[in-house]
Amino acid sequence: QVQLVESGGGLVQPGGSLRLSCVASGSSYRIYIMGWYRQAPGKQRELVATITPGDIKNYVDSVKGQFTITRDNGKNTVYLQMNSLKPENTAVYYCNLRMTNDYWGQGTQVTVSS
C-alpha cells in the first residue's frame, strides 16, 4: 500500500522560504518519477516540479530559479525548497508518485501573506 505524507507547509511572509517534504512508505520508489503539484483556490491542480530517478528535474516556468526539487532515495523522500515566496505561490501542495498509477499525498497548505 503506497502512502505519501507531506509536511512543511504553513504561513510565511512574502520573501520567505519553506521546505516541503514528502515521505513515501510501503516500498522503495527510487525507480519512479516523483513530483509536486499545487492547487490554488478556484484553479485546477498544476504541475510544479518533477524529478526522475536519474535526478533530471523539470519545473513549471513560473517557479524556475525560485523552487528546487530534490530527492533522497534512501529515505524515500522528495523535497521542494521554495525561496522568495510570493502571494501567488499560495496553494495546497501535493506530492505525486508516478508508477503504473498515480499516487497522491493529502496535501499541505502553503500561504504566503503579510
C-alpha atoms as a PDB file:
ATOM      1  CA  GLN A   1       0.000   0.000   0.000  1.00  0.00           C
ATOM      2  CA  VAL A   2       1.549   3.266  -1.149  1.00  0.00           C
ATOM      3  CA  GLN A   3       1.231   6.172   1.248  1.00  0.00           C
ATOM      4  CA  LEU A   4       2.581   9.659   0.708  1.00  0.00           C
ATOM      5  CA  VAL A   5       2.761  12.041   3.627  1.00  0.00           C
ATOM      6  CA  GLU A   6       3.630  15.697   3.092  1.00  0.00           C
ATOM      7  CA  SER A   7       4.848  18.159   5.688  1.00  0.00           C
ATOM      8  CA  GLY A   8       6.435  21.574   5.884  1.00  0.00           C
ATOM      9  CA  GLY A   9       3.649  23.855   4.774  1.00  0.00           C
ATOM     10  CA  GLY A  10       2.482  26.879   6.695  1.00  0.00           C
ATOM     11  CA  LEU A  11       2.074  30.622   6.723  1.00  0.00           C
ATOM     12  CA  VAL A  12       5.030  32.668   5.566  1.00  0.00           C
ATOM     13  CA  GLN A  13       5.575  36.305   4.697  1.00  0.00           C
ATOM     14  CA  PRO A  14       6.417  37.352   1.150  1.00  0.00           C
ATOM     15  CA  GLY A  15      10.112  36.805   0.511  1.00  0.00           C
ATOM     16  CA  GLY A  16      10.303  33.958   2.977  1.00  0.00           C
ATOM     17  CA  SER A  17      11.185  30.323   2.435  1.00  0.00           C
ATOM     18  CA  LEU A  18       9.672  26.940   3.146  1.00  0.00           C
ATOM     19  CA  ARG A  19      10.829  23.393   2.544  1.00  0.00           C
ATOM     20  CA  LEU A  20       8.198  20.787   1.842  1.00  0.00           C
ATOM     21  CA  SER A  21       8.895  17.110   2.453  1.00  0.00           C
ATOM     22  CA  CYS A  22       7.071  14.032   1.233  1.00  0.00           C
ATOM     23  CA  VAL A  23       7.790  10.594   2.601  1.00  0.00           C
ATOM     24  CA  ALA A  24       6.633   7.579   0.616  1.00  0.00           C
ATOM     25  CA  SER A  25       6.004   4.431   2.622  1.00  0.00           C
ATOM     26  CA  GLY A  26       5.390   0.882   1.560  1.00  0.00           C
ATOM     27  CA  SER A  27       8.380   0.054  -0.591  1.00  0.00           C
ATOM     28  CA  SER A  28      11.343   1.594  -2.387  1.00  0.00           C
ATOM     29  CA  TYR A  29      10.419   4.081  -5.085  1.00  0.00           C
ATOM     30  CA  ARG A  30      13.843   5.007  -6.375  1.00  0.00           C
ATOM     31  CA  ILE A  31      12.984   3.937  -9.927  1.00  0.00           C
ATOM     32  CA  TYR A  32       9.942   6.171 -10.217  1.00  0.00           C
ATOM     33  CA  ILE A  33       9.324   9.801 -11.028  1.00  0.00           C
ATOM     34  CA  MET A  34       8.224  11.880  -8.083  1.00  0.00           C
ATOM     35  CA  GLY A  35       6.924  15.396  -8.104  1.00  0.00           C
ATOM     36  CA  TRP A  36       4.978  18.255  -6.617  1.00  0.00           C
ATOM     37  CA  TYR A  37       1.726  19.736  -7.826  1.00  0.00           C
ATOM     38  CA  ARG A  38      -0.356  22.558  -6.407  1.00  0.00           C
ATOM     39  CA  GLN A  39      -3.902  23.759  -6.453  1.00  0.00           C
ATOM     40  CA  ALA A  40      -4.810  27.340  -5.712  1.00  0.00           C
ATOM     41  CA  PRO A  41      -8.364  28.352  -4.776  1.00  0.00           C
ATOM     42  CA  GLY A  42     -10.624  28.309  -7.816  1.00  0.00           C
ATOM     43  CA  LYS A  43      -7.922  26.868 -10.067  1.00  0.00           C
ATOM     44  CA  GLN A  44      -7.032  23.465 -11.435  1.00  0.00           C
ATOM     45  CA  ARG A  45      -4.221  21.414  -9.994  1.00  0.00           C
ATOM     46  CA  GLU A  46      -0.990  22.158 -11.832  1.00  0.00           C
ATOM     47  CA  LEU A  47       2.452  20.646 -12.065  1.00  0.00           C
ATOM     48  CA  VAL A  48       5.139  22.447 -10.076  1.00  0.00           C
ATOM     49  CA  ALA A  49       8.177  20.201 -10.424  1.00  0.00           C
ATOM     50  CA  THR A  50       9.192  16.622 -11.106  1.00  0.00           C
ATOM     51  CA  ILE A  51      12.376  14.644 -10.582  1.00  0.00           C
ATOM     52  CA  THR A  52      13.331  11.426 -12.318  1.00  0.00           C
ATOM     53  CA  PRO A  53      15.272   8.526 -10.825  1.00  0.00           C
ATOM     54  CA  GLY A  54      18.303   9.916 -12.644  1.00  0.00           C
ATOM     55  CA  ASP A  55      17.839  13.330 -10.993  1.00  0.00           C
ATOM     56  CA  ILE A  56      16.559  15.074 -14.111  1.00  0.00           C
ATOM     57  CA  LYS A  57      14.402  17.942 -12.908  1.00  0.00           C
ATOM     58  CA  ASN A  58      11.536  19.704 -14.588  1.00  0.00           C
ATOM     59  CA  TYR A  59       9.827  22.878 -13.387  1.00  0.00           C
ATOM     60  CA  VAL A  60       6.852  24.927 -14.415  1.00  0.00           C
ATOM     61  CA  ASP A  61       8.178  28.171 -15.866  1.00  0.00           C
ATOM     62  CA  SER A  62       6.735  30.316 -13.090  1.00  0.00           C
ATOM     63  CA  VAL A  63       8.935  28.716 -10.391  1.00  0.00           C
ATOM     64  CA  LYS A  64      12.205  28.251 -12.271  1.00  0.00           C
ATOM     65  CA  GLY A  65      15.016  29.752 -10.241  1.00  0.00           C
ATOM     66  CA  GLN A  66      12.747  30.039  -7.216  1.00  0.00           C
ATOM     67  CA  PHE A  67      11.957  26.415  -6.279  1.00  0.00           C
ATOM     68  CA  THR A  68      14.281  23.409  -6.144  1.00  0.00           C
ATOM     69  CA  ILE A  69      13.170  19.778  -6.113  1.00  0.00           C
ATOM     70  CA  THR A  70      15.434  17.094  -4.692  1.00  0.00           C
ATOM     71  CA  ARG A  71      15.053  13.510  -3.583  1.00  0.00           C
ATOM     72  CA  ASP A  72      16.692  11.176  -1.092  1.00  0.00           C
ATOM     73  CA  ASN A  73      16.118   7.637  -2.310  1.00  0.00           C
ATOM     74  CA  GLY A  74      17.480   6.135   0.888  1.00  0.00           C
ATOM     75  CA  LYS A  75      14.726   7.903   2.808  1.00  0.00           C
ATOM     76  CA  ASN A  76      12.027   7.544   0.121  1.00  0.00           C
ATOM     77  CA  THR A  77      11.621  11.294   0.402  1.00  0.00           C
ATOM     78  CA  VAL A  78      11.193  14.117  -2.071  1.00  0.00           C
ATOM     79  CA  TYR A  79      11.680  17.743  -1.096  1.00  0.00           C
ATOM     80  CA  LEU A  80      10.617  21.086  -2.506  1.00  0.00           C
ATOM     81  CA  GLN A  81      12.694  24.053  -1.395  1.00  0.00           C
ATOM     82  CA  MET A  82      10.712  27.221  -2.010  1.00  0.00           C
ATOM     83  CA  ASN A  83      12.503  30.559  -1.777  1.00  0.00           C
ATOM     84  CA  SER A  84      11.470  34.174  -2.316  1.00  0.00           C
ATOM     85  CA  LEU A  85       7.869  33.193  -1.841  1.00  0.00           C
ATOM     86  CA  LYS A  86       5.136  35.372  -3.305  1.00  0.00           C
ATOM     87  CA  PRO A  87       1.417  35.588  -2.572  1.00  0.00           C
ATOM     88  CA  GLU A  88       0.729  33.869  -5.897  1.00  0.00           C
ATOM     89  CA  ASN A  89       2.534  30.780  -4.582  1.00  0.00           C
ATOM     90  CA  THR A  90      -0.321  30.282  -2.122  1.00  0.00           C
ATOM     91  CA  ALA A  91      -1.900  26.880  -2.743  1.00  0.00           C
ATOM     92  CA  VAL A  92      -2.287  23.375  -1.424  1.00  0.00           C
ATOM     93  CA  TYR A  93       0.816  21.468  -2.482  1.00  0.00           C
ATOM     94  CA  TYR A  94       0.524  17.777  -3.291  1.00  0.00           C
ATOM     95  CA  CYS A  95       3.207  15.150  -3.568  1.00  0.00           C
ATOM     96  CA  ASN A  96       2.938  12.755  -6.505  1.00  0.00           C
ATOM     97  CA  LEU A  97       4.443   9.340  -7.169  1.00  0.00           C
ATOM     98  CA  ARG A  98       4.169   8.146 -10.750  1.00  0.00           C
ATOM     99  CA  MET A  99       4.001   4.395 -11.017  1.00  0.00           C
ATOM    100  CA  THR A 100       1.568   2.420 -13.182  1.00  0.00           C
ATOM    101  CA  ASN A 101      -0.953   4.534 -11.328  1.00  0.00           C
ATOM    102  CA  ASP A 102      -0.526   7.990  -9.874  1.00  0.00           C
ATOM    103  CA  TYR A 103      -0.408   8.247  -6.103  1.00  0.00           C
ATOM    104  CA  TRP A 104      -1.050  11.445  -4.166  1.00  0.00           C
ATOM    105  CA  GLY A 105      -0.484  12.748  -0.706  1.00  0.00           C
ATOM    106  CA  GLN A 106      -3.151  14.522   1.291  1.00  0.00           C
ATOM    107  CA  GLY A 107      -1.711  17.949   0.550  1.00  0.00           C
ATOM    108  CA  THR A 108      -0.075  20.627   2.643  1.00  0.00           C
ATOM    109  CA  GLN A 109      -1.247  24.236   2.713  1.00  0.00           C
ATOM    110  CA  VAL A 110       1.208  26.972   1.818  1.00  0.00           C
ATOM    111  CA  THR A 111       0.011  30.507   2.469  1.00  0.00           C
ATOM    112  CA  VAL A 112       2.139  33.495   1.568  1.00  0.00           C
ATOM    113  CA  SER A 113       0.789  36.633   3.153  1.00  0.00           C
ATOM    114  CA  SER A 114       1.873  39.633   5.172  1.00  0.00           C
END
